[in-house]
Amino acid sequence: LGISRSAISMYERGEREPDTATMEAIAALFGVDMNYLYGMPTVTFDDFTYALHNESKDLTEENKQKLLEMARLFKLGQQHGSGN
């Protein structure tokens, strides 16, 4: 990454913080999100959740509540149908 040993040592001791470009390089090296390096949770959406969000974002608040209630009914029906 082109980071000196002394800089890494200072990062480890908390005497210095890496800049954004360095943090991006470290995240890429380890294959993690930058939020992970900062100790923040990483939120990911599957394809269905992303599609549902896109379809529902322009709905009225009333229709959003109706959609949420429908999802709850589907979940309840699924639980009763599977014997849970």
N, C-alpha and C. Protein backbone atom coordinates (compact mmCIF):
# COMPACT_ATOMS: atom_id res chain seq x y z
N LEU A 1 0.81 -1.22 0.00
CA LEU A 1 0.00 0.00 0.00
C LEU A 1 0.85 1.27 0.00
N GLY A 2 2.12 1.12 0.17
CA GLY A 2 2.98 2.30 0.19
C GLY A 2 2.91 3.07 1.50
N ILE A 3 2.59 2.38 2.58
CA ILE A 3 2.52 3.01 3.90
C ILE A 3 3.77 2.62 4.67
N SER A 4 4.42 3.60 5.24
CA SER A 4 5.67 3.31 5.96
C SER A 4 5.37 2.55 7.25
N ARG A 5 6.37 1.83 7.71
CA ARG A 5 6.23 1.08 8.97
C ARG A 5 5.95 2.03 10.14
N SER A 6 6.57 3.19 10.12
CA SER A 6 6.34 4.13 11.22
C SER A 6 4.91 4.65 11.21
N ALA A 7 4.33 4.87 10.02
CA ALA A 7 2.94 5.33 9.94
C ALA A 7 2.01 4.24 10.48
N ILE A 8 2.26 2.99 10.09
CA ILE A 8 1.44 1.88 10.58
C ILE A 8 1.54 1.78 12.09
N SER A 9 2.73 1.95 12.61
CA SER A 9 2.94 1.90 14.05
C SER A 9 2.14 3.01 14.75
N MET A 10 2.13 4.19 14.16
CA MET A 10 1.37 5.30 14.74
C MET A 10 -0.14 5.03 14.67
N TYR A 11 -0.60 4.41 13.57
CA TYR A 11 -2.02 4.02 13.48
C TYR A 11 -2.36 3.06 14.60
N GLU A 12 -1.51 2.07 14.80
CA GLU A 12 -1.76 1.03 15.81
C GLU A 12 -1.77 1.61 17.22
N ARG A 13 -0.94 2.59 17.48
CA ARG A 13 -0.88 3.20 18.81
C ARG A 13 -1.92 4.30 18.99
N GLY A 14 -2.67 4.63 17.94
CA GLY A 14 -3.68 5.68 18.03
C GLY A 14 -3.10 7.07 18.01
N GLU A 15 -1.85 7.21 17.57
CA GLU A 15 -1.20 8.52 17.52
C GLU A 15 -1.52 9.26 16.22
N ARG A 16 -2.02 8.52 15.25
CA ARG A 16 -2.31 9.10 13.94
C ARG A 16 -3.44 8.29 13.30
N GLU A 17 -4.25 8.96 12.49
CA GLU A 17 -5.35 8.29 11.78
C GLU A 17 -5.05 8.30 10.29
N PRO A 18 -5.31 7.20 9.60
CA PRO A 18 -5.11 7.18 8.15
C PRO A 18 -6.12 8.10 7.46
N ASP A 19 -5.71 8.70 6.34
CA ASP A 19 -6.65 9.52 5.59
C ASP A 19 -7.63 8.62 4.84
N THR A 20 -8.61 9.24 4.21
CA THR A 20 -9.67 8.49 3.54
C THR A 20 -9.13 7.58 2.44
N ALA A 21 -8.20 8.07 1.65
CA ALA A 21 -7.64 7.26 0.56
C ALA A 21 -6.94 6.03 1.11
N THR A 22 -6.23 6.18 2.22
CA THR A 22 -5.54 5.06 2.84
C THR A 22 -6.55 4.06 3.40
N MET A 23 -7.62 4.57 4.02
CA MET A 23 -8.65 3.68 4.55
C MET A 23 -9.32 2.90 3.42
N GLU A 24 -9.56 3.56 2.29
CA GLU A 24 -10.16 2.87 1.13
C GLU A 24 -9.23 1.77 0.63
N ALA A 25 -7.93 2.06 0.60
CA ALA A 25 -6.96 1.06 0.15
C ALA A 25 -6.90 -0.13 1.11
N ILE A 26 -6.93 0.14 2.40
CA ILE A 26 -6.91 -0.93 3.40
C ILE A 26 -8.18 -1.78 3.29
N ALA A 27 -9.33 -1.13 3.14
CA ALA A 27 -10.60 -1.85 3.00
C ALA A 27 -10.57 -2.74 1.76
N ALA A 28 -10.06 -2.22 0.65
CA ALA A 28 -9.97 -2.99 -0.59
C ALA A 28 -9.02 -4.18 -0.42
N LEU A 29 -7.91 -3.96 0.25
CA LEU A 29 -6.93 -5.02 0.47
C LEU A 29 -7.54 -6.20 1.21
N PHE A 30 -8.34 -5.89 2.25
CA PHE A 30 -8.93 -6.95 3.06
C PHE A 30 -10.32 -7.37 2.58
N GLY A 31 -10.83 -6.70 1.54
CA GLY A 31 -12.14 -7.07 0.99
C GLY A 31 -13.29 -6.78 1.94
N VAL A 32 -13.19 -5.67 2.66
CA VAL A 32 -14.26 -5.29 3.58
C VAL A 32 -14.75 -3.89 3.25
N ASP A 33 -15.92 -3.55 3.77
CA ASP A 33 -16.48 -2.22 3.62
C ASP A 33 -15.75 -1.28 4.58
N MET A 34 -15.60 -0.02 4.18
CA MET A 34 -14.93 0.94 5.07
C MET A 34 -15.65 1.07 6.40
N ASN A 35 -16.97 0.93 6.41
CA ASN A 35 -17.72 1.01 7.67
C ASN A 35 -17.23 -0.05 8.66
N TYR A 36 -16.85 -1.22 8.14
CA TYR A 36 -16.33 -2.28 9.00
C TYR A 36 -15.06 -1.82 9.71
N LEU A 37 -14.19 -1.13 8.97
CA LEU A 37 -12.95 -0.66 9.57
C LEU A 37 -13.20 0.37 10.67
N TYR A 38 -14.28 1.12 10.52
CA TYR A 38 -14.63 2.11 11.53
C TYR A 38 -15.49 1.53 12.65
N GLY A 39 -15.75 0.22 12.58
CA GLY A 39 -16.55 -0.43 13.62
C GLY A 39 -18.03 -0.18 13.50
N MET A 40 -18.48 0.23 12.32
CA MET A 40 -19.89 0.49 12.09
C MET A 40 -20.52 -0.70 11.38
N PRO A 41 -21.80 -0.94 11.66
CA PRO A 41 -22.45 -2.07 10.98
C PRO A 41 -22.59 -1.80 9.48
N THR A 42 -22.51 -2.86 8.71
CA THR A 42 -22.69 -2.77 7.27
C THR A 42 -24.06 -3.34 6.94
N VAL A 43 -24.87 -2.55 6.28
CA VAL A 43 -26.21 -2.97 5.91
C VAL A 43 -26.21 -3.36 4.44
N THR A 44 -26.71 -4.54 4.16
CA THR A 44 -26.82 -4.98 2.77
C THR A 44 -28.25 -5.40 2.50
N PHE A 45 -28.66 -5.26 1.27
CA PHE A 45 -30.00 -5.66 0.87
C PHE A 45 -29.91 -6.73 -0.19
N ASP A 46 -30.77 -7.74 -0.09
CA ASP A 46 -30.84 -8.72 -1.16
C ASP A 46 -31.63 -8.12 -2.31
N ASP A 47 -31.68 -8.79 -3.43
CA ASP A 47 -32.34 -8.27 -4.63
C ASP A 47 -33.82 -7.98 -4.38
N PHE A 48 -34.50 -8.86 -3.63
CA PHE A 48 -35.92 -8.65 -3.36
C PHE A 48 -36.15 -7.38 -2.55
N THR A 49 -35.37 -7.21 -1.49
CA THR A 49 -35.54 -6.04 -0.62
C THR A 49 -35.28 -4.76 -1.40
N TYR A 50 -34.25 -4.78 -2.23
CA TYR A 50 -33.93 -3.61 -3.05
C TYR A 50 -35.07 -3.32 -4.02
N ALA A 51 -35.62 -4.35 -4.67
CA ALA A 51 -36.71 -4.17 -5.62
C ALA A 51 -37.96 -3.65 -4.89
N LEU A 52 -38.26 -4.21 -3.73
CA LEU A 52 -39.43 -3.77 -2.97
C LEU A 52 -39.27 -2.30 -2.57
N HIS A 53 -38.09 -1.92 -2.16
CA HIS A 53 -37.85 -0.52 -1.81
C HIS A 53 -38.12 0.39 -3.00
N ASN A 54 -37.59 0.02 -4.16
CA ASN A 54 -37.78 0.85 -5.35
C ASN A 54 -39.24 0.96 -5.74
N GLU A 55 -39.99 -0.13 -5.61
CA GLU A 55 -41.40 -0.12 -5.98
C GLU A 55 -42.26 0.66 -4.98
N SER A 56 -41.85 0.71 -3.74
CA SER A 56 -42.69 1.31 -2.70
C SER A 56 -42.31 2.73 -2.32
N LYS A 57 -41.19 3.23 -2.79
CA LYS A 57 -40.73 4.55 -2.32
C LYS A 57 -41.65 5.70 -2.70
N ASP A 58 -42.42 5.57 -3.77
CA ASP A 58 -43.31 6.65 -4.18
C ASP A 58 -44.75 6.47 -3.71
N LEU A 59 -45.01 5.43 -2.91
CA LEU A 59 -46.34 5.22 -2.40
C LEU A 59 -46.68 6.26 -1.33
N THR A 60 -47.98 6.49 -1.15
CA THR A 60 -48.41 7.36 -0.05
C THR A 60 -48.14 6.64 1.26
N GLU A 61 -48.13 7.38 2.34
CA GLU A 61 -47.92 6.76 3.65
C GLU A 61 -49.02 5.74 3.94
N GLU A 62 -50.25 6.06 3.54
CA GLU A 62 -51.36 5.13 3.74
C GLU A 62 -51.12 3.82 3.00
N ASN A 63 -50.68 3.91 1.75
CA ASN A 63 -50.43 2.69 0.98
C ASN A 63 -49.20 1.94 1.49
N LYS A 64 -48.21 2.65 2.01
CA LYS A 64 -47.05 1.97 2.61
C LYS A 64 -47.51 1.15 3.81
N GLN A 65 -48.42 1.69 4.61
CA GLN A 65 -48.92 0.97 5.77
C GLN A 65 -49.73 -0.26 5.33
N LYS A 66 -50.51 -0.10 4.26
CA LYS A 66 -51.27 -1.24 3.73
C LYS A 66 -50.32 -2.34 3.24
N LEU A 67 -49.25 -1.95 2.56
CA LEU A 67 -48.26 -2.92 2.08
C LEU A 67 -47.60 -3.65 3.24
N LEU A 68 -47.27 -2.91 4.29
CA LEU A 68 -46.66 -3.51 5.48
C LEU A 68 -47.63 -4.50 6.14
N GLU A 69 -48.90 -4.13 6.21
CA GLU A 69 -49.90 -5.04 6.78
C GLU A 69 -50.04 -6.30 5.94
N MET A 70 -50.01 -6.15 4.61
CA MET A 70 -50.07 -7.31 3.73
C MET A 70 -48.88 -8.24 3.98
N ALA A 71 -47.70 -7.67 4.14
CA ALA A 71 -46.51 -8.48 4.40
C ALA A 71 -46.66 -9.24 5.71
N ARG A 72 -47.22 -8.58 6.71
CA ARG A 72 -47.43 -9.24 8.00
C ARG A 72 -48.43 -10.40 7.87
N LEU A 73 -49.48 -10.19 7.05
CA LEU A 73 -50.46 -11.26 6.84
C LEU A 73 -49.83 -12.44 6.11
N PHE A 74 -48.99 -12.16 5.10
CA PHE A 74 -48.29 -13.24 4.40
C PHE A 74 -47.41 -14.02 5.37
N LYS A 75 -46.72 -13.30 6.22
CA LYS A 75 -45.82 -13.95 7.19
C LYS A 75 -46.62 -14.83 8.15
N LEU A 76 -47.75 -14.30 8.63
CA LEU A 76 -48.60 -15.06 9.54
C LEU A 76 -49.14 -16.31 8.85
N GLY A 77 -49.58 -16.17 7.60
CA GLY A 77 -50.07 -17.31 6.85
C GLY A 77 -48.99 -18.35 6.61
N GLN A 78 -47.79 -17.89 6.36
CA GLN A 78 -46.65 -18.80 6.16
C GLN A 78 -46.34 -19.58 7.42
N GLN A 79 -46.40 -18.89 8.57
CA GLN A 79 -46.12 -19.56 9.84
C GLN A 79 -47.16 -20.62 10.15
N HIS A 80 -48.41 -20.31 9.88
CA HIS A 80 -49.47 -21.28 10.16
C HIS A 80 -49.45 -22.43 9.13
N GLY A 81 -49.05 -22.13 7.91
CA GLY A 81 -48.99 -23.16 6.88
C GLY A 81 -47.85 -24.14 7.07
N SER A 82 -46.77 -23.70 7.75
CA SER A 82 -45.61 -24.57 7.93
C SER A 82 -45.65 -25.31 9.26
N GLY A 83 -46.72 -25.08 10.03
CA GLY A 83 -46.83 -25.80 11.31
C GLY A 83 -46.12 -25.13 12.45
N ASN A 84 -45.65 -23.90 12.29
CA ASN A 84 -44.97 -23.19 13.39
C ASN A 84 -45.95 -22.58 14.35
